Amino acid sequence: MRVLLDTCVWGPAAGELAALGHDVVWCGAWPEDPGDDGVLARAHAEGRVLVTLDKDFGELAVLQAKPHSGIVRLVGVAARQQAAVCAQVLARFGAELLAGGIVTANPPRVRIRPASGA
C-alpha cells in the first residue's frame, strides 16, 4: 500500500513498513514542512494513505471536506510500536482506507469513519 507518514510519526517506522512491502514516504525527510493542507494534498495527489498522530487531519477531511486517500490516526501508541500498529490497521482496513475512510487506532480499540457517502 502507498503510505505517507506525517512528521510526528517515528521516522524508523518508514523502514519497518517498507520492509513489509509498503511504498512509504516520511514527511520528516522533506526539506521543508508544507503544513497540514500541503501534506494532505500531497498524500491525496500520490494516492497515499496518510498516517499521523495529529487530529487536525481528520478535521480537514471531515469539517472542511478536503479530499484524501484515507487517514490513519494513531493515538497513545509508543513510537517503537507505531509501525506494527499501522501495519495491522493497513492489513485489516486497507479497503476502507483506500475508499477514503478514516481509522483511529487507540489499541486495543479501533474506530472507523467510512468515506462520505459510503
C-alpha atoms as a PDB file:
ATOM      1  CA  MET A   1       0.000   0.000   0.000  1.00  0.00           C
ATOM      2  CA  ARG A   2       1.162   3.559  -0.670  1.00  0.00           C
ATOM      3  CA  VAL A   3       1.631   5.389   2.640  1.00  0.00           C
ATOM      4  CA  LEU A   4       2.658   8.884   3.695  1.00  0.00           C
ATOM      5  CA  LEU A   5       3.877   9.195   7.280  1.00  0.00           C
ATOM      6  CA  ASP A   6       3.440  12.599   8.889  1.00  0.00           C
ATOM      7  CA  THR A   7       6.491  14.151  10.563  1.00  0.00           C
ATOM      8  CA  CYS A   8       5.088  13.317  14.002  1.00  0.00           C
ATOM      9  CA  VAL A   9       5.287   9.586  13.242  1.00  0.00           C
ATOM     10  CA  TRP A  10       8.531   7.946  14.385  1.00  0.00           C
ATOM     11  CA  GLY A  11      10.956   8.097  11.428  1.00  0.00           C
ATOM     12  CA  PRO A  12      12.212   4.478  11.603  1.00  0.00           C
ATOM     13  CA  ALA A  13       8.595   3.318  11.158  1.00  0.00           C
ATOM     14  CA  ALA A  14       9.048   4.132   7.459  1.00  0.00           C
ATOM     15  CA  GLY A  15      11.746   1.490   7.082  1.00  0.00           C
ATOM     16  CA  GLU A  16       9.777  -1.066   9.069  1.00  0.00           C
ATOM     17  CA  LEU A  17       6.683  -0.574   6.894  1.00  0.00           C
ATOM     18  CA  ALA A  18       8.768  -0.620   3.704  1.00  0.00           C
ATOM     19  CA  ALA A  19      10.274  -3.938   4.814  1.00  0.00           C
ATOM     20  CA  LEU A  20       6.710  -5.290   4.925  1.00  0.00           C
ATOM     21  CA  GLY A  21       6.214  -4.295   1.290  1.00  0.00           C
ATOM     22  CA  HIS A  22       4.565  -0.894   1.633  1.00  0.00           C
ATOM     23  CA  ASP A  23       5.602   2.083  -0.521  1.00  0.00           C
ATOM     24  CA  VAL A  24       6.378   4.610   2.218  1.00  0.00           C
ATOM     25  CA  VAL A  25       7.306   8.282   2.245  1.00  0.00           C
ATOM     26  CA  TRP A  26       8.073  10.098   5.530  1.00  0.00           C
ATOM     27  CA  CYS A  27       7.446  13.873   5.656  1.00  0.00           C
ATOM     28  CA  GLY A  28      10.311  14.263   8.104  1.00  0.00           C
ATOM     29  CA  ALA A  29      12.733  13.693   5.210  1.00  0.00           C
ATOM     30  CA  TRP A  30      11.356  16.641   3.218  1.00  0.00           C
ATOM     31  CA  PRO A  31      13.452  19.823   3.072  1.00  0.00           C
ATOM     32  CA  GLU A  32      10.554  21.929   4.382  1.00  0.00           C
ATOM     33  CA  ASP A  33       7.174  21.373   6.007  1.00  0.00           C
ATOM     34  CA  PRO A  34       4.299  22.297   3.654  1.00  0.00           C
ATOM     35  CA  GLY A  35       1.801  22.468   6.536  1.00  0.00           C
ATOM     36  CA  ASP A  36      -1.170  20.213   7.144  1.00  0.00           C
ATOM     37  CA  ASP A  37      -3.047  21.274   3.996  1.00  0.00           C
ATOM     38  CA  GLY A  38       0.025  20.603   1.867  1.00  0.00           C
ATOM     39  CA  VAL A  39       0.679  17.219   3.470  1.00  0.00           C
ATOM     40  CA  LEU A  40      -2.915  16.096   2.979  1.00  0.00           C
ATOM     41  CA  ALA A  41      -2.970  17.362  -0.616  1.00  0.00           C
ATOM     42  CA  ARG A  42       0.273  15.571  -1.473  1.00  0.00           C
ATOM     43  CA  ALA A  43      -0.913  12.317   0.094  1.00  0.00           C
ATOM     44  CA  HIS A  44      -4.095  12.537  -1.957  1.00  0.00           C
ATOM     45  CA  ALA A  45      -2.290  13.500  -5.185  1.00  0.00           C
ATOM     46  CA  GLU A  46       0.003  10.479  -4.794  1.00  0.00           C
ATOM     47  CA  GLY A  47      -2.787   8.103  -3.717  1.00  0.00           C
ATOM     48  CA  ARG A  48      -1.217   7.545  -0.312  1.00  0.00           C
ATOM     49  CA  VAL A  49      -2.891   6.740   2.992  1.00  0.00           C
ATOM     50  CA  LEU A  50      -1.808   9.408   5.477  1.00  0.00           C
ATOM     51  CA  VAL A  51      -0.621   8.137   8.862  1.00  0.00           C
ATOM     52  CA  THR A  52      -0.455  10.713  11.639  1.00  0.00           C
ATOM     53  CA  LEU A  53      -0.763  11.335  15.364  1.00  0.00           C
ATOM     54  CA  ASP A  54      -2.475  14.670  14.679  1.00  0.00           C
ATOM     55  CA  LYS A  55      -6.269  15.012  14.881  1.00  0.00           C
ATOM     56  CA  ASP A  56      -6.164  18.114  12.675  1.00  0.00           C
ATOM     57  CA  PHE A  57      -6.139  15.978   9.515  1.00  0.00           C
ATOM     58  CA  GLY A  58      -9.451  14.404  10.410  1.00  0.00           C
ATOM     59  CA  GLU A  59     -10.875  17.876  10.902  1.00  0.00           C
ATOM     60  CA  LEU A  60      -9.569  18.950   7.489  1.00  0.00           C
ATOM     61  CA  ALA A  61     -11.083  15.869   5.874  1.00  0.00           C
ATOM     62  CA  VAL A  62     -14.416  15.888   7.697  1.00  0.00           C
ATOM     63  CA  LEU A  63     -15.220  19.504   8.577  1.00  0.00           C
ATOM     64  CA  GLN A  64     -13.590  21.130   5.564  1.00  0.00           C
ATOM     65  CA  ALA A  65     -14.258  18.225   3.157  1.00  0.00           C
ATOM     66  CA  LYS A  66     -10.660  18.234   1.895  1.00  0.00           C
ATOM     67  CA  PRO A  67     -10.027  15.294  -0.442  1.00  0.00           C
ATOM     68  CA  HIS A  68      -7.845  12.477   0.860  1.00  0.00           C
ATOM     69  CA  SER A  69      -6.913   8.878   0.145  1.00  0.00           C
ATOM     70  CA  GLY A  70      -7.523   7.545   3.650  1.00  0.00           C
ATOM     71  CA  ILE A  71      -6.200   8.621   7.027  1.00  0.00           C
ATOM     72  CA  VAL A  72      -4.872   6.572   9.931  1.00  0.00           C
ATOM     73  CA  ARG A  73      -4.584   8.398  13.257  1.00  0.00           C
ATOM     74  CA  LEU A  74      -2.514   6.653  15.900  1.00  0.00           C
ATOM     75  CA  VAL A  75      -3.485   7.575  19.471  1.00  0.00           C
ATOM     76  CA  GLY A  76      -1.438   6.605  22.510  1.00  0.00           C
ATOM     77  CA  VAL A  77       0.893   4.366  20.509  1.00  0.00           C
ATOM     78  CA  ALA A  78       4.522   4.298  21.643  1.00  0.00           C
ATOM     79  CA  ALA A  79       6.993   5.345  18.944  1.00  0.00           C
ATOM     80  CA  ARG A  80       8.522   1.877  18.585  1.00  0.00           C
ATOM     81  CA  GLN A  81       5.060   0.325  18.197  1.00  0.00           C
ATOM     82  CA  GLN A  82       3.776   2.736  15.547  1.00  0.00           C
ATOM     83  CA  ALA A  83       4.889   0.664  12.544  1.00  0.00           C
ATOM     84  CA  ALA A  84       3.374  -2.538  13.935  1.00  0.00           C
ATOM     85  CA  VAL A  85       0.033  -0.902  14.751  1.00  0.00           C
ATOM     86  CA  CYS A  86      -0.012   0.845  11.392  1.00  0.00           C
ATOM     87  CA  ALA A  87       0.734  -2.429   9.561  1.00  0.00           C
ATOM     88  CA  GLN A  88      -2.150  -4.131  11.375  1.00  0.00           C
ATOM     89  CA  VAL A  89      -4.535  -1.300  10.501  1.00  0.00           C
ATOM     90  CA  LEU A  90      -3.450  -1.287   6.837  1.00  0.00           C
ATOM     91  CA  ALA A  91      -3.896  -5.060   6.593  1.00  0.00           C
ATOM     92  CA  ARG A  92      -7.275  -5.123   8.292  1.00  0.00           C
ATOM     93  CA  PHE A  93      -8.837  -1.897   6.993  1.00  0.00           C
ATOM     94  CA  GLY A  94      -6.990  -1.304   3.715  1.00  0.00           C
ATOM     95  CA  ALA A  95     -10.130  -1.425   1.583  1.00  0.00           C
ATOM     96  CA  GLU A  96     -11.917   1.089   3.808  1.00  0.00           C
ATOM     97  CA  LEU A  97      -8.897   3.402   3.780  1.00  0.00           C
ATOM     98  CA  LEU A  98      -8.492   3.234   0.007  1.00  0.00           C
ATOM     99  CA  ALA A  99     -12.175   4.149  -0.283  1.00  0.00           C
ATOM    100  CA  GLY A 100     -11.467   7.327   1.734  1.00  0.00           C
ATOM    101  CA  GLY A 101     -12.147   6.102   5.241  1.00  0.00           C
ATOM    102  CA  ILE A 102     -10.562   7.405   8.420  1.00  0.00           C
ATOM    103  CA  VAL A 103      -9.301   4.955  11.027  1.00  0.00           C
ATOM    104  CA  THR A 104      -8.407   5.969  14.570  1.00  0.00           C
ATOM    105  CA  ALA A 105      -6.277   3.315  16.263  1.00  0.00           C
ATOM    106  CA  ASN A 106      -6.057   3.568  20.028  1.00  0.00           C
ATOM    107  CA  PRO A 107      -5.098  -0.017  20.901  1.00  0.00           C
ATOM    108  CA  PRO A 108      -6.880  -2.142  21.641  1.00  0.00           C
ATOM    109  CA  ARG A 109      -9.724  -0.044  20.188  1.00  0.00           C
ATOM    110  CA  VAL A 110     -10.135   0.949  16.559  1.00  0.00           C
ATOM    111  CA  ARG A 111     -12.761   3.358  15.220  1.00  0.00           C
ATOM    112  CA  ILE A 112     -13.618   3.584  11.545  1.00  0.00           C
ATOM    113  CA  ARG A 113     -15.290   6.516   9.839  1.00  0.00           C
ATOM    114  CA  PRO A 114     -16.289   5.369   6.357  1.00  0.00           C
ATOM    115  CA  ALA A 115     -15.838   7.661   3.393  1.00  0.00           C
ATOM    116  CA  SER A 116     -18.629  10.188   2.897  1.00  0.00           C
ATOM    117  CA  GLY A 117     -21.480   8.581   1.040  1.00  0.00           C
ATOM    118  CA  ALA A 118     -20.270   5.063   1.885  1.00  0.00           C
END
